[in-house]
């Protein structure tokens, strides 16, 4: 079993497997995320599977048992009924007696409204988990570039630079931030936002207060600006306008956005599925589509483009 470490020679497939293993051995509740004992984790997992089964159709006890046996062959019928009674007591499922036409009467189970809400939260949290793995997978691809200045598509100035989040940094941003600091070594690099790993970066960046919509600097200051994370539709244009104000002529802003994919050319792919599903399941995130960001960038900068470095990177030159 993996110990959760990732060497420099770890393949993308192995890296993804490590992430899945770490999640699988966690024994956490599918909604609350709280750690449980192995026995309680198994009970919770099977109860969640029962709810997912009943989200498609009503089933009697033996029908549920036969399906559960496919993944848990040692499951006992009396244990299953005890766990189903627990679901019924919590108001997540209900059972009614169905009169048998040619056989005995049977109890048929179906979801309550609370049960449907639990299923929605399970699906939402499972999707969050998939998003997190996908994000780390794409960022892992980016980490193959130990020095971004080696890429012919990216030109760096020798002037002052800024690294900031659209809203807040995530732990998975640490690798890319390290690469950016290594690439800009010897320059003054301003840094906005809280980040737990910042103490491990040398030389120390110049920490600033404020946010990307209101930078505490004069105009025409930066040669390069890197924004990381997920932009919101309501604050994206003000952020780009502020970047343009603080960029010197010829300076470049880079936007490293993890969940976006270019327009589909050869049919749907997993990246577009992630992006489109996130917009439907998480409307509160105010996620933007590729063409929206591209249009705003073209409006504000004389040159624009897009790079795929694992993470999608938009750039605009003032």
C-alpha atoms as a PDB file:
ATOM      1  CA  UNK A   1       0.000   0.000   0.000  1.00  0.00           C
ATOM      2  CA  UNK A   2       1.222   3.482  -0.792  1.00  0.00           C
ATOM      3  CA  UNK A   3       2.699   5.611   1.946  1.00  0.00           C
ATOM      4  CA  UNK A   4       1.476   8.772   0.241  1.00  0.00           C
ATOM      5  CA  UNK A   5       4.846  10.015  -0.964  1.00  0.00           C
ATOM      6  CA  UNK A   6       5.558  10.917  -4.564  1.00  0.00           C
ATOM      7  CA  UNK A   7       9.084  10.705  -5.962  1.00  0.00           C
ATOM      8  CA  UNK A   8      10.358  12.601  -8.959  1.00  0.00           C
ATOM      9  CA  UNK A   9      10.002   9.464 -11.099  1.00  0.00           C
ATOM     10  CA  UNK A  10       6.391   8.811 -10.165  1.00  0.00           C
ATOM     11  CA  UNK A  11       4.195   8.536 -13.244  1.00  0.00           C
ATOM     12  CA  UNK A  12       0.899  10.361 -13.586  1.00  0.00           C
ATOM     13  CA  UNK A  13      -0.986   7.073 -13.244  1.00  0.00           C
ATOM     14  CA  UNK A  14       0.926   6.157 -10.075  1.00  0.00           C
ATOM     15  CA  UNK A  15       0.379   9.638  -8.651  1.00  0.00           C
ATOM     16  CA  UNK A  16      -3.361   9.373  -9.215  1.00  0.00           C
ATOM     17  CA  UNK A  17      -3.380   5.918  -7.615  1.00  0.00           C
ATOM     18  CA  UNK A  18      -1.623   7.328  -4.545  1.00  0.00           C
ATOM     19  CA  UNK A  19      -4.330   9.980  -4.197  1.00  0.00           C
ATOM     20  CA  UNK A  20      -7.104   7.384  -4.498  1.00  0.00           C
ATOM     21  CA  UNK A  21      -5.438   5.087  -1.954  1.00  0.00           C
ATOM     22  CA  UNK A  22      -5.077   7.889   0.576  1.00  0.00           C
ATOM     23  CA  UNK A  23      -8.776   8.691   0.216  1.00  0.00           C
ATOM     24  CA  UNK A  24      -9.842   5.039   0.353  1.00  0.00           C
ATOM     25  CA  UNK A  25      -7.997   4.274   3.595  1.00  0.00           C
ATOM     26  CA  UNK A  26      -9.269   7.411   5.271  1.00  0.00           C
ATOM     27  CA  UNK A  27     -12.512   5.853   6.527  1.00  0.00           C
ATOM     28  CA  UNK A  28     -14.436   9.117   6.377  1.00  0.00           C
ATOM     29  CA  UNK A  29     -18.159   9.802   6.228  1.00  0.00           C
ATOM     30  CA  UNK A  30     -19.359  10.573   2.697  1.00  0.00           C
ATOM     31  CA  UNK A  31     -21.073  13.817   3.752  1.00  0.00           C
ATOM     32  CA  UNK A  32     -19.466  15.100   6.962  1.00  0.00           C
ATOM     33  CA  UNK A  33     -15.926  13.946   6.179  1.00  0.00           C
ATOM     34  CA  UNK A  34     -15.413  12.846   9.805  1.00  0.00           C
ATOM     35  CA  UNK A  35     -13.061   9.906  10.412  1.00  0.00           C
ATOM     36  CA  UNK A  36     -14.705   6.665  11.561  1.00  0.00           C
ATOM     37  CA  UNK A  37     -13.632   3.279  12.888  1.00  0.00           C
ATOM     38  CA  UNK A  38     -13.327   0.532  10.211  1.00  0.00           C
ATOM     39  CA  UNK A  39     -16.618  -1.050  11.363  1.00  0.00           C
ATOM     40  CA  UNK A  40     -18.511   2.240  11.360  1.00  0.00           C
ATOM     41  CA  UNK A  41     -16.908   3.237   8.059  1.00  0.00           C
ATOM     42  CA  UNK A  42     -18.152  -0.019   6.483  1.00  0.00           C
ATOM     43  CA  UNK A  43     -21.643   0.526   7.884  1.00  0.00           C
ATOM     44  CA  UNK A  44     -21.738   4.100   6.594  1.00  0.00           C
ATOM     45  CA  UNK A  45     -20.440   3.046   3.174  1.00  0.00           C
ATOM     46  CA  UNK A  46     -23.038   0.296   2.745  1.00  0.00           C
ATOM     47  CA  UNK A  47     -25.841   2.543   4.002  1.00  0.00           C
ATOM     48  CA  UNK A  48     -24.813   5.164   1.454  1.00  0.00           C
ATOM     49  CA  UNK A  49     -24.858   2.503  -1.272  1.00  0.00           C
ATOM     50  CA  UNK A  50     -28.377   1.532  -0.196  1.00  0.00           C
ATOM     51  CA  UNK A  51     -29.488   5.155  -0.516  1.00  0.00           C
ATOM     52  CA  UNK A  52     -27.920   5.384  -3.969  1.00  0.00           C
ATOM     53  CA  UNK A  53     -29.686   2.170  -5.012  1.00  0.00           C
ATOM     54  CA  UNK A  54     -33.037   3.507  -3.843  1.00  0.00           C
ATOM     55  CA  UNK A  55     -32.484   6.780  -5.688  1.00  0.00           C
ATOM     56  CA  UNK A  56     -33.099   4.840  -8.911  1.00  0.00           C
ATOM     57  CA  UNK A  57     -36.035   2.654  -7.877  1.00  0.00           C
ATOM     58  CA  UNK A  58     -37.895   1.209  -4.914  1.00  0.00           C
ATOM     59  CA  UNK A  59     -36.597  -2.221  -3.859  1.00  0.00           C
ATOM     60  CA  UNK A  60     -37.491  -4.955  -1.403  1.00  0.00           C
ATOM     61  CA  UNK A  61     -34.963  -6.227   1.124  1.00  0.00           C
ATOM     62  CA  UNK A  62     -33.743  -9.242  -0.859  1.00  0.00           C
ATOM     63  CA  UNK A  63     -33.257  -7.082  -3.941  1.00  0.00           C
ATOM     64  CA  UNK A  64     -31.053  -4.709  -1.951  1.00  0.00           C
ATOM     65  CA  UNK A  65     -29.168  -7.619  -0.359  1.00  0.00           C
ATOM     66  CA  UNK A  66     -28.421  -9.292  -3.702  1.00  0.00           C
ATOM     67  CA  UNK A  67     -26.995  -6.041  -5.059  1.00  0.00           C
ATOM     68  CA  UNK A  68     -24.918  -5.365  -1.938  1.00  0.00           C
ATOM     69  CA  UNK A  69     -23.512  -8.930  -2.100  1.00  0.00           C
ATOM     70  CA  UNK A  70     -21.860  -8.107  -5.433  1.00  0.00           C
ATOM     71  CA  UNK A  71     -19.395  -5.806  -3.644  1.00  0.00           C
ATOM     72  CA  UNK A  72     -19.589  -7.257  -0.124  1.00  0.00           C
ATOM     73  CA  UNK A  73     -19.943 -11.066  -0.442  1.00  0.00           C
ATOM     74  CA  UNK A  74     -19.650 -11.589   3.340  1.00  0.00           C
ATOM     75  CA  UNK A  75     -22.600  -9.319   4.106  1.00  0.00           C
ATOM     76  CA  UNK A  76     -25.156 -11.039   6.348  1.00  0.00           C
ATOM     77  CA  UNK A  77     -28.855 -10.500   5.768  1.00  0.00           C
ATOM     78  CA  UNK A  78     -29.646  -9.804   9.435  1.00  0.00           C
ATOM     79  CA  UNK A  79     -26.846  -7.195   9.576  1.00  0.00           C
ATOM     80  CA  UNK A  80     -28.163  -5.551   6.425  1.00  0.00           C
ATOM     81  CA  UNK A  81     -31.692  -5.341   7.842  1.00  0.00           C
ATOM     82  CA  UNK A  82     -30.351  -3.904  11.097  1.00  0.00           C
ATOM     83  CA  UNK A  83     -28.533  -1.159   9.163  1.00  0.00           C
ATOM     84  CA  UNK A  84     -31.631  -0.538   7.034  1.00  0.00           C
ATOM     85  CA  UNK A  85     -33.724  -0.203  10.198  1.00  0.00           C
ATOM     86  CA  UNK A  86     -31.223   2.424  11.318  1.00  0.00           C
ATOM     87  CA  UNK A  87     -31.763   4.325   8.052  1.00  0.00           C
ATOM     88  CA  UNK A  88     -35.515   4.068   8.589  1.00  0.00           C
ATOM     89  CA  UNK A  89     -35.220   5.349  12.179  1.00  0.00           C
ATOM     90  CA  UNK A  90     -33.213   8.339  10.920  1.00  0.00           C
ATOM     91  CA  UNK A  91     -35.963   9.168   8.431  1.00  0.00           C
ATOM     92  CA  UNK A  92     -33.840   8.536   5.325  1.00  0.00           C
ATOM     93  CA  UNK A  93     -35.885   5.612   3.969  1.00  0.00           C
ATOM     94  CA  UNK A  94     -39.412   4.278   4.444  1.00  0.00           C
ATOM     95  CA  UNK A  95     -40.863   0.850   3.919  1.00  0.00           C
ATOM     96  CA  UNK A  96     -44.363  -0.220   2.958  1.00  0.00           C
ATOM     97  CA  UNK A  97     -45.840  -3.689   2.772  1.00  0.00           C
ATOM     98  CA  UNK A  98     -46.541  -4.786  -0.792  1.00  0.00           C
ATOM     99  CA  UNK A  99     -49.147  -7.523  -1.116  1.00  0.00           C
ATOM    100  CA  UNK A 100     -47.727 -10.522  -2.942  1.00  0.00           C
ATOM    101  CA  UNK A 101     -49.864 -11.665  -5.871  1.00  0.00           C
ATOM    102  CA  UNK A 102     -48.397 -15.168  -6.010  1.00  0.00           C
ATOM    103  CA  UNK A 103     -46.137 -15.144  -2.994  1.00  0.00           C
ATOM    104  CA  UNK A 104     -45.770 -13.700   0.483  1.00  0.00           C
ATOM    105  CA  UNK A 105     -46.185 -10.026   1.259  1.00  0.00           C
ATOM    106  CA  UNK A 106     -42.911  -8.103   1.039  1.00  0.00           C
ATOM    107  CA  UNK A 107     -41.665  -4.840   2.456  1.00  0.00           C
ATOM    108  CA  UNK A 108     -40.614  -2.401  -0.250  1.00  0.00           C
ATOM    109  CA  UNK A 109     -38.232   0.432   0.586  1.00  0.00           C
ATOM    110  CA  UNK A 110     -38.014   3.896  -0.958  1.00  0.00           C
ATOM    111  CA  UNK A 111     -36.242   7.179  -0.222  1.00  0.00           C
ATOM    112  CA  UNK A 112     -37.757   9.945   1.868  1.00  0.00           C
ATOM    113  CA  UNK A 113     -37.138  13.613   1.113  1.00  0.00           C
ATOM    114  CA  UNK A 114     -34.314  13.628   3.679  1.00  0.00           C
ATOM    115  CA  UNK A 115     -32.889  10.553   1.995  1.00  0.00           C
ATOM    116  CA  UNK A 116     -32.874  12.300  -1.377  1.00  0.00           C
ATOM    117  CA  UNK A 117     -31.096  15.257   0.201  1.00  0.00           C
ATOM    118  CA  UNK A 118     -28.472  12.891   1.617  1.00  0.00           C
ATOM    119  CA  UNK A 119     -27.979  11.342  -1.845  1.00  0.00           C
ATOM    120  CA  UNK A 120     -27.523  14.802  -3.360  1.00  0.00           C
ATOM    121  CA  UNK A 121     -24.857  15.627  -0.753  1.00  0.00           C
ATOM    122  CA  UNK A 122     -23.139  12.282  -1.393  1.00  0.00           C
ATOM    123  CA  UNK A 123     -22.990  12.964  -5.124  1.00  0.00           C
ATOM    124  CA  UNK A 124     -21.848  16.532  -4.564  1.00  0.00           C
ATOM    125  CA  UNK A 125     -19.072  15.499  -2.172  1.00  0.00           C
ATOM    126  CA  UNK A 126     -18.006  12.618  -4.412  1.00  0.00           C
ATOM    127  CA  UNK A 127     -17.730  15.103  -7.251  1.00  0.00           C
ATOM    128  CA  UNK A 128     -15.684  17.445  -5.044  1.00  0.00           C
ATOM    129  CA  UNK A 129     -13.340  14.534  -4.422  1.00  0.00           C
ATOM    130  CA  UNK A 130     -13.043  13.821  -8.140  1.00  0.00           C
ATOM    131  CA  UNK A 131     -12.403  17.516  -8.794  1.00  0.00           C
ATOM    132  CA  UNK A 132      -9.630  17.570  -6.194  1.00  0.00           C
ATOM    133  CA  UNK A 133      -7.943  14.515  -7.720  1.00  0.00           C
ATOM    134  CA  UNK A 134      -8.296  15.967 -11.213  1.00  0.00           C
ATOM    135  CA  UNK A 135      -6.864  19.305 -10.092  1.00  0.00           C
ATOM    136  CA  UNK A 136      -3.847  17.639  -8.470  1.00  0.00           C
ATOM    137  CA  UNK A 137      -3.364  15.438 -11.538  1.00  0.00           C
ATOM    138  CA  UNK A 138      -3.218  18.448 -13.854  1.00  0.00           C
ATOM    139  CA  UNK A 139      -0.944  20.381 -11.500  1.00  0.00           C
ATOM    140  CA  UNK A 140       1.309  17.320 -11.324  1.00  0.00           C
ATOM    141  CA  UNK A 141       1.734  17.614 -15.103  1.00  0.00           C
ATOM    142  CA  UNK A 142       2.809  21.225 -14.614  1.00  0.00           C
ATOM    143  CA  UNK A 143       5.494  20.223 -12.117  1.00  0.00           C
ATOM    144  CA  UNK A 144       7.552  18.595 -14.896  1.00  0.00           C
ATOM    145  CA  UNK A 145       8.611  22.131 -15.836  1.00  0.00           C
ATOM    146  CA  UNK A 146      11.258  22.889 -13.218  1.00  0.00           C
ATOM    147  CA  UNK A 147      11.910  26.281 -14.824  1.00  0.00           C
ATOM    148  CA  UNK A 148       9.084  27.925 -16.756  1.00  0.00           C
ATOM    149  CA  UNK A 149      11.490  30.298 -18.496  1.00  0.00           C
ATOM    150  CA  UNK A 150      12.715  27.314 -20.540  1.00  0.00           C
ATOM    151  CA  UNK A 151       9.400  27.359 -22.405  1.00  0.00           C
ATOM    152  CA  UNK A 152       9.583  29.363 -25.619  1.00  0.00           C
ATOM    153  CA  UNK A 153       5.922  30.376 -25.258  1.00  0.00           C
ATOM    154  CA  UNK A 154       6.574  32.209 -21.968  1.00  0.00           C
ATOM    155  CA  UNK A 155       8.852  35.222 -21.771  1.00  0.00           C
ATOM    156  CA  UNK A 156       9.724  36.716 -18.391  1.00  0.00           C
ATOM    157  CA  UNK A 157      10.902  40.226 -17.731  1.00  0.00           C
ATOM    158  CA  UNK A 158      13.647  41.082 -15.241  1.00  0.00           C
ATOM    159  CA  UNK A 159      11.371  43.493 -13.404  1.00  0.00           C
ATOM    160  CA  UNK A 160       9.317  43.254 -10.247  1.00  0.00           C
ATOM    161  CA  UNK A 161       6.745  40.430 -10.214  1.00  0.00           C
ATOM    162  CA  UNK A 162       3.564  39.503  -8.356  1.00  0.00           C
ATOM    163  CA  UNK A 163       2.094  36.124  -7.399  1.00  0.00           C
ATOM    164  CA  UNK A 164      -1.452  36.181  -6.029  1.00  0.00           C
ATOM    165  CA  UNK A 165      -4.609  34.053  -5.821  1.00  0.00           C
ATOM    166  CA  UNK A 166      -7.893  35.009  -7.417  1.00  0.00           C
ATOM    167  CA  UNK A 167      -9.384  34.398  -3.968  1.00  0.00           C
ATOM    168  CA  UNK A 168      -7.278  32.020  -1.875  1.00  0.00           C
ATOM    169  CA  UNK A 169      -4.461  29.547  -2.447  1.00  0.00           C
ATOM    170  CA  UNK A 170      -5.008  25.806  -2.120  1.00  0.00           C
ATOM    171  CA  UNK A 171      -2.427  23.328  -0.834  1.00  0.00           C
ATOM    172  CA  UNK A 172      -2.138  21.902  -4.340  1.00  0.00           C
ATOM    173  CA  UNK A 173      -0.851  25.291  -5.583  1.00  0.00           C
ATOM    174  CA  UNK A 174       2.377  24.841  -3.617  1.00  0.00           C
ATOM    175  CA  UNK A 175       4.296  23.033  -6.381  1.00  0.00           C
ATOM    176  CA  UNK A 176       3.541  25.664  -9.010  1.00  0.00           C
ATOM    177  CA  UNK A 177       4.367  28.478  -6.576  1.00  0.00           C
ATOM    178  CA  UNK A 178       7.747  26.859  -5.888  1.00  0.00           C
ATOM    179  CA  UNK A 179       8.465  26.699  -9.628  1.00  0.00           C
ATOM    180  CA  UNK A 180       7.495  30.344 -10.080  1.00  0.00           C
ATOM    181  CA  UNK A 181       9.800  31.485  -7.287  1.00  0.00           C
ATOM    182  CA  UNK A 182      12.644  29.361  -8.664  1.00  0.00           C
ATOM    183  CA  UNK A 183      12.101  30.827 -12.132  1.00  0.00           C
ATOM    184  CA  UNK A 184      12.072  34.402 -10.786  1.00  0.00           C
ATOM    185  CA  UNK A 185      15.050  33.979  -8.457  1.00  0.00           C
ATOM    186  CA  UNK A 186      17.023  37.192  -8.089  1.00  0.00           C
ATOM    187  CA  UNK A 187      14.026  39.450  -8.705  1.00  0.00           C
ATOM    188  CA  UNK A 188      11.732  41.161  -6.239  1.00  0.00           C
ATOM    189  CA  UNK A 189       8.590  39.035  -6.034  1.00  0.00           C
ATOM    190  CA  UNK A 190       5.529  40.388  -4.225  1.00  0.00           C
ATOM    191  CA  UNK A 191       3.144  37.854  -2.741  1.00  0.00           C
ATOM    192  CA  UNK A 192      -0.488  38.316  -1.694  1.00  0.00           C
ATOM    193  CA  UNK A 193      -2.519  35.776   0.236  1.00  0.00           C
ATOM    194  CA  UNK A 194      -2.114  33.284   3.062  1.00  0.00           C
ATOM    195  CA  UNK A 195      -0.188  30.151   2.241  1.00  0.00           C
ATOM    196  CA  UNK A 196       1.014  27.602   4.776  1.00  0.00           C
ATOM    197  CA  UNK A 197       4.053  26.549   2.731  1.00  0.00           C
ATOM    198  CA  UNK A 198       5.393  30.065   2.207  1.00  0.00           C
ATOM    199  CA  UNK A 199       7.894  29.683   5.080  1.00  0.00           C
ATOM    200  CA  UNK A 200       9.693  26.960   3.097  1.00  0.00           C
ATOM    201  CA  UNK A 201      10.352  29.213   0.090  1.00  0.00           C
ATOM    202  CA  UNK A 202      13.735  30.936  -0.139  1.00  0.00           C
ATOM    203  CA  UNK A 203      14.573  33.702  -0.600  1.00  0.00           C
ATOM    204  CA  UNK A 204      11.572  35.031   1.274  1.00  0.00           C
ATOM    205  CA  UNK A 205       9.009  36.792  -0.937  1.00  0.00           C
ATOM    206  CA  UNK A 206       7.784  40.278  -0.150  1.00  0.00           C
ATOM    207  CA  UNK A 207       4.395  39.737   1.515  1.00  0.00           C
ATOM    208  CA  UNK A 208       1.749  42.385   0.831  1.00  0.00           C
ATOM    209  CA  UNK A 209      -1.735  43.037   2.160  1.00  0.00           C
ATOM    210  CA  UNK A 210      -4.719  43.632  -0.080  1.00  0.00           C
ATOM    211  CA  UNK A 211      -6.297  41.581  -2.842  1.00  0.00           C
ATOM    212  CA  UNK A 212      -6.173  41.309  -6.592  1.00  0.00           C
ATOM    213  CA  UNK A 213      -9.025  43.805  -7.052  1.00  0.00           C
ATOM    214  CA  UNK A 214      -7.188  46.466  -5.040  1.00  0.00           C
ATOM    215  CA  UNK A 215      -3.397  46.175  -5.230  1.00  0.00           C
ATOM    216  CA  UNK A 216      -1.481  48.529  -2.882  1.00  0.00           C
ATOM    217  CA  UNK A 217       0.976  49.680  -5.575  1.00  0.00           C
ATOM    218  CA  UNK A 218       1.235  52.459  -8.136  1.00  0.00           C
ATOM    219  CA  UNK A 219       0.547  51.892 -11.820  1.00  0.00           C
ATOM    220  CA  UNK A 220       3.115  50.451 -14.266  1.00  0.00           C
ATOM    221  CA  UNK A 221       5.006  48.523 -11.552  1.00  0.00           C
ATOM    222  CA  UNK A 222       5.083  44.845 -12.521  1.00  0.00           C
ATOM    223  CA  UNK A 223       6.799  43.045 -15.354  1.00  0.00           C
ATOM    224  CA  UNK A 224       4.931  39.797 -14.639  1.00  0.00           C
ATOM    225  CA  UNK A 225       1.800  38.918 -12.685  1.00  0.00           C
ATOM    226  CA  UNK A 226       0.724  35.337 -11.967  1.00  0.00           C
ATOM    227  CA  UNK A 227      -2.812  34.682 -10.715  1.00  0.00           C
ATOM    228  CA  UNK A 228      -3.652  31.187  -9.453  1.00  0.00           C
ATOM    229  CA  UNK A 229      -6.920  29.480  -8.631  1.00  0.00           C
ATOM    230  CA  UNK A 230     -10.528  29.773  -9.733  1.00  0.00           C
ATOM    231  CA  UNK A 231     -11.863  33.183 -10.799  1.00  0.00           C
ATOM    232  CA  UNK A 232     -15.452  34.212 -10.104  1.00  0.00           C
ATOM    233  CA  UNK A 233     -17.494  35.839 -12.821  1.00  0.00           C
ATOM    234  CA  UNK A 234     -18.473  38.810 -10.628  1.00  0.00           C
ATOM    235  CA  UNK A 235     -14.888  39.782  -9.762  1.00  0.00           C
ATOM    236  CA  UNK A 236     -12.934  38.664 -12.828  1.00  0.00           C
ATOM    237  CA  UNK A 237     -13.114  41.860 -14.904  1.00  0.00           C
ATOM    238  CA  UNK A 238     -12.131  44.137 -11.964  1.00  0.00           C
ATOM    239  CA  UNK A 239      -9.182  41.821 -11.263  1.00  0.00           C
ATOM    240  CA  UNK A 240      -7.977  41.983 -14.859  1.00  0.00           C
ATOM    241  CA  UNK A 241      -8.390  45.776 -14.952  1.00  0.00           C
ATOM    242  CA  UNK A 242      -6.277  46.080 -11.787  1.00  0.00           C
ATOM    243  CA  UNK A 243      -3.611  43.823 -13.285  1.00  0.00           C
ATOM    244  CA  UNK A 244      -3.512  45.962 -16.405  1.00  0.00           C
ATOM    245  CA  UNK A 245      -3.178  49.112 -14.284  1.00  0.00           C
ATOM    246  CA  UNK A 246      -0.194  47.774 -12.366  1.00  0.00           C
ATOM    247  CA  UNK A 247       1.590  46.149 -15.336  1.00  0.00           C
ATOM    248  CA  UNK A 248       4.300  48.139 -17.060  1.00  0.00           C
ATOM    249  CA  UNK A 249       4.185  48.435 -20.839  1.00  0.00           C
ATOM    250  CA  UNK A 250       5.216  45.106 -22.320  1.00  0.00           C
ATOM    251  CA  UNK A 251       4.427  43.295 -19.041  1.00  0.00           C
ATOM    252  CA  UNK A 252       2.462  40.040 -19.001  1.00  0.00           C
ATOM    253  CA  UNK A 253      -0.279  38.654 -16.791  1.00  0.00           C
ATOM    254  CA  UNK A 254      -0.612  34.859 -16.527  1.00  0.00           C
ATOM    255  CA  UNK A 255      -3.760  33.108 -15.266  1.00  0.00           C
ATOM    256  CA  UNK A 256      -3.244  29.497 -14.120  1.00  0.00           C
ATOM    257  CA  UNK A 257      -6.804  28.124 -14.001  1.00  0.00           C
ATOM    258  CA  UNK A 258      -7.048  24.407 -13.129  1.00  0.00           C
ATOM    259  CA  UNK A 259     -10.509  23.326 -14.306  1.00  0.00           C
ATOM    260  CA  UNK A 260     -10.816  24.991 -17.679  1.00  0.00           C
ATOM    261  CA  UNK A 261     -10.226  23.168 -20.951  1.00  0.00           C
ATOM    262  CA  UNK A 262      -9.980  24.559 -24.500  1.00  0.00           C
ATOM    263  CA  UNK A 263     -13.062  24.383 -26.753  1.00  0.00           C
ATOM    264  CA  UNK A 264     -13.861  20.811 -27.750  1.00  0.00           C
ATOM    265  CA  UNK A 265     -12.328  19.908 -31.102  1.00  0.00           C
ATOM    266  CA  UNK A 266     -12.662  16.128 -31.378  1.00  0.00           C
ATOM    267  CA  UNK A 267     -15.680  15.486 -29.169  1.00  0.00           C
ATOM    268  CA  UNK A 268     -16.268  15.553 -25.390  1.00  0.00           C
ATOM    269  CA  UNK A 269     -13.357  14.792 -23.051  1.00  0.00           C
ATOM    270  CA  UNK A 270     -12.987  14.369 -19.302  1.00  0.00           C
ATOM    271  CA  UNK A 271     -11.814  17.946 -18.814  1.00  0.00           C
ATOM    272  CA  UNK A 272     -14.912  19.411 -20.435  1.00  0.00           C
ATOM    273  CA  UNK A 273     -17.086  17.022 -18.413  1.00  0.00           C
ATOM    274  CA  UNK A 274     -15.481  18.316 -15.194  1.00  0.00           C
ATOM    275  CA  UNK A 275     -15.917  21.964 -16.203  1.00  0.00           C
ATOM    276  CA  UNK A 276     -19.532  21.621 -17.327  1.00  0.00           C
ATOM    277  CA  UNK A 277     -20.529  19.493 -14.332  1.00  0.00           C
ATOM    278  CA  UNK A 278     -18.992  21.967 -11.893  1.00  0.00           C
ATOM    279  CA  UNK A 279     -21.047  24.788 -13.391  1.00  0.00           C
ATOM    280  CA  UNK A 280     -24.234  22.760 -12.892  1.00  0.00           C
ATOM    281  CA  UNK A 281     -23.508  21.316  -9.428  1.00  0.00           C
ATOM    282  CA  UNK A 282     -21.760  24.337  -7.898  1.00  0.00           C
ATOM    283  CA  UNK A 283     -23.475  27.488  -9.227  1.00  0.00           C
ATOM    284  CA  UNK A 284     -22.299  29.356  -6.113  1.00  0.00           C
ATOM    285  CA  UNK A 285     -18.713  29.188  -7.437  1.00  0.00           C
ATOM    286  CA  UNK A 286     -19.631  31.507 -10.336  1.00  0.00           C
ATOM    287  CA  UNK A 287     -17.388  29.500 -12.643  1.00  0.00           C
ATOM    288  CA  UNK A 288     -16.504  30.983 -16.010  1.00  0.00           C
ATOM    289  CA  UNK A 289     -16.322  29.305 -19.394  1.00  0.00           C
ATOM    290  CA  UNK A 290     -13.255  29.340 -21.620  1.00  0.00           C
ATOM    291  CA  UNK A 291     -14.686  31.795 -24.158  1.00  0.00           C
ATOM    292  CA  UNK A 292     -15.705  34.270 -21.391  1.00  0.00           C
ATOM    293  CA  UNK A 293     -12.162  34.537 -20.075  1.00  0.00           C
ATOM    294  CA  UNK A 294     -10.683  34.640 -23.566  1.00  0.00           C
ATOM    295  CA  UNK A 295     -13.032  37.476 -24.571  1.00  0.00           C
ATOM    296  CA  UNK A 296     -12.187  39.627 -21.529  1.00  0.00           C
ATOM    297  CA  UNK A 297      -8.453  39.053 -21.993  1.00  0.00           C
ATOM    298  CA  UNK A 298      -8.637  40.134 -25.643  1.00  0.00           C
ATOM    299  CA  UNK A 299     -10.559  43.236 -24.622  1.00  0.00           C
ATOM    300  CA  UNK A 300      -7.839  44.405 -22.205  1.00  0.00           C
ATOM    301  CA  UNK A 301      -4.535  43.278 -23.753  1.00  0.00           C
ATOM    302  CA  UNK A 302      -2.875  43.828 -27.123  1.00  0.00           C
ATOM    303  CA  UNK A 303      -1.598  40.222 -27.282  1.00  0.00           C
ATOM    304  CA  UNK A 304      -3.215  37.160 -25.726  1.00  0.00           C
ATOM    305  CA  UNK A 305      -2.829  33.408 -25.816  1.00  0.00           C
ATOM    306  CA  UNK A 306      -3.370  30.121 -24.003  1.00  0.00           C
ATOM    307  CA  UNK A 307      -0.860  27.471 -22.901  1.00  0.00           C
ATOM    308  CA  UNK A 308      -1.527  23.935 -21.693  1.00  0.00           C
ATOM    309  CA  UNK A 309       0.992  22.987 -19.017  1.00  0.00           C
ATOM    310  CA  UNK A 310      -1.248  20.459 -17.302  1.00  0.00           C
ATOM    311  CA  UNK A 311      -2.993  23.475 -15.826  1.00  0.00           C
ATOM    312  CA  UNK A 312      -4.441  25.801 -18.454  1.00  0.00           C
ATOM    313  CA  UNK A 313      -2.601  29.152 -18.529  1.00  0.00           C
ATOM    314  CA  UNK A 314      -4.077  32.257 -20.181  1.00  0.00           C
ATOM    315  CA  UNK A 315      -1.696  35.137 -20.819  1.00  0.00           C
ATOM    316  CA  UNK A 316      -2.091  38.744 -21.869  1.00  0.00           C
ATOM    317  CA  UNK A 317       0.609  41.267 -22.757  1.00  0.00           C
ATOM    318  CA  UNK A 318       0.056  44.979 -22.114  1.00  0.00           C
END
